[in-house]
Amino acid sequence: MNRQFSTFFFLVVSAFMLSGCGVAVVGGAAYGGYKVAEDERSICTMVDDSVILTTVKSKMIADEFVKARHINVDVSNGVVYLIGTVDTSSQKRMAADIARSVEGVRRVENKLIVGH
């Protein structure tokens, strides 16, 4: 690692720690670093959304019924957007239930389409 990057990384980590985002800095520092210039959300909100997205997607992938291969997940300000296709209306409901079960989710916009 070069010295400039090390210094920059230290400053970013320090800023997260001082702003109350220290817990999520490991998972979100890289994501927040390049998105901050084009996103109106605060760094803390972007990190929180990133954690929500990762958790929702992981739970869906682990769920044998939902089969999240064709589900795209996006999160903005705690609102989860589910976009894609599923085989049944039960899978559509279950995907939304999984998303709602994640801490920090304010609302779920379920745009999943049943059938192919």
Protein backbone atom coordinates (compact mmCIF):
# COMPACT_ATOMS: atom_id res chain seq x y z
CA MET A 1 0.00 0.00 0.00
CA ASN A 2 1.42 3.38 -0.87
CA ARG A 3 1.78 6.07 1.77
CA GLN A 4 -0.84 8.44 0.32
CA PHE A 5 -3.48 5.74 0.24
CA SER A 6 -2.61 4.67 3.78
CA THR A 7 -2.98 8.24 5.00
CA PHE A 8 -6.27 8.68 3.13
CA PHE A 9 -7.62 5.39 4.49
CA PHE A 10 -6.64 6.39 8.04
CA LEU A 11 -8.44 9.72 7.65
CA VAL A 12 -11.59 8.05 6.30
CA VAL A 13 -11.63 5.54 9.14
CA SER A 14 -11.06 8.33 11.66
CA ALA A 15 -13.91 10.36 10.19
CA PHE A 16 -16.25 7.37 10.45
CA MET A 17 -15.24 6.74 14.04
CA LEU A 18 -15.80 10.36 15.02
CA SER A 19 -19.12 10.62 13.18
CA GLY A 20 -20.68 7.57 14.83
CA CYS A 21 -20.36 5.30 11.80
CA GLY A 22 -17.41 3.36 13.17
CA VAL A 23 -19.27 0.09 13.51
CA ALA A 24 -19.99 -0.09 9.79
CA VAL A 25 -16.71 1.28 8.48
CA VAL A 26 -15.26 -2.11 7.59
CA GLY A 27 -18.09 -3.04 5.24
CA GLY A 28 -18.83 0.35 3.80
CA ALA A 29 -15.69 2.47 3.55
CA ALA A 30 -14.81 1.42 0.02
CA TYR A 31 -18.41 1.74 -1.17
CA GLY A 32 -18.94 5.14 0.45
CA GLY A 33 -15.67 6.52 -0.84
CA TYR A 34 -16.51 6.60 -4.53
CA LYS A 35 -20.28 7.06 -4.29
CA VAL A 36 -20.19 10.12 -2.05
CA ALA A 37 -19.48 12.53 -4.92
CA GLU A 38 -22.68 11.65 -6.79
CA ASP A 39 -25.05 10.70 -3.97
CA GLU A 40 -27.01 13.11 -1.82
CA ARG A 41 -27.23 10.66 1.11
CA SER A 42 -24.89 11.10 4.05
CA ILE A 43 -21.97 8.71 4.34
CA CYS A 44 -23.61 7.09 7.37
CA THR A 45 -26.83 6.52 5.40
CA MET A 46 -24.91 5.06 2.46
CA VAL A 47 -23.08 2.69 4.79
CA ASP A 48 -26.35 1.69 6.49
CA ASP A 49 -27.98 1.08 3.09
CA SER A 50 -25.01 -1.01 2.01
CA VAL A 51 -25.28 -3.18 5.13
CA ILE A 52 -29.05 -3.59 4.56
CA LEU A 53 -28.50 -4.53 0.91
CA THR A 54 -25.87 -7.13 1.77
CA THR A 55 -28.00 -8.62 4.54
CA VAL A 56 -31.18 -8.80 2.41
CA LYS A 57 -29.37 -10.37 -0.53
CA SER A 58 -27.54 -12.88 1.72
CA LYS A 59 -30.79 -13.95 3.38
CA MET A 60 -32.50 -14.37 0.02
CA ILE A 61 -29.64 -16.42 -1.40
CA ALA A 62 -29.69 -18.65 1.69
CA ASP A 63 -33.45 -19.18 1.41
CA GLU A 64 -34.21 -22.30 -0.63
CA PHE A 65 -37.78 -21.22 -1.39
CA VAL A 66 -37.12 -17.71 -2.73
CA LYS A 67 -34.21 -18.68 -5.02
CA ALA A 68 -32.95 -15.11 -5.45
CA ARG A 69 -31.11 -15.72 -8.72
CA HIS A 70 -33.32 -13.28 -10.62
CA ILE A 71 -33.93 -10.71 -7.90
CA ASN A 72 -32.06 -7.42 -7.91
CA VAL A 73 -31.96 -5.59 -4.59
CA ASP A 74 -31.34 -1.87 -4.21
CA VAL A 75 -31.55 0.24 -1.05
CA SER A 76 -31.90 3.98 -0.66
CA ASN A 77 -32.49 5.66 2.71
CA GLY A 78 -33.64 2.38 4.24
CA VAL A 79 -36.16 1.65 1.46
CA VAL A 80 -35.54 -1.72 -0.20
CA TYR A 81 -36.43 -2.08 -3.87
CA LEU A 82 -36.94 -5.63 -5.17
CA ILE A 83 -36.83 -5.88 -8.97
CA GLY A 84 -36.80 -8.97 -11.14
CA THR A 85 -38.75 -12.15 -11.65
CA VAL A 86 -39.88 -15.04 -9.46
CA ASP A 87 -41.80 -18.21 -10.27
CA THR A 88 -44.75 -17.81 -7.89
CA SER A 89 -46.66 -15.17 -5.94
CA SER A 90 -45.59 -16.98 -2.77
CA GLN A 91 -41.94 -16.37 -3.66
CA LYS A 92 -42.77 -12.70 -4.26
CA ARG A 93 -44.37 -12.40 -0.80
CA MET A 94 -41.54 -14.31 0.86
CA ALA A 95 -38.88 -12.10 -0.74
CA ALA A 96 -40.64 -9.01 0.65
CA ASP A 97 -40.96 -10.68 4.07
CA ILE A 98 -37.24 -11.45 4.10
CA ALA A 99 -36.42 -7.83 3.24
CA ARG A 100 -38.78 -6.50 5.95
CA SER A 101 -37.12 -8.73 8.55
CA VAL A 102 -33.78 -6.94 8.20
CA GLU A 103 -32.96 -4.34 10.82
CA GLY A 104 -33.00 -0.78 9.48
CA VAL A 105 -35.48 -1.41 6.65
CA ARG A 106 -38.08 1.36 6.61
CA ARG A 107 -40.17 0.10 3.69
CA VAL A 108 -40.09 -2.48 0.90
CA GLU A 109 -41.06 -1.64 -2.68
CA ASN A 110 -41.79 -5.03 -4.20
CA LYS A 111 -41.60 -4.70 -8.00
CA LEU A 112 -41.07 -8.43 -8.58
CA ILE A 113 -42.90 -9.96 -11.53
CA VAL A 114 -44.36 -13.45 -11.26
CA GLY A 115 -43.49 -15.65 -14.22
CA HIS A 116 -40.87 -15.37 -16.94
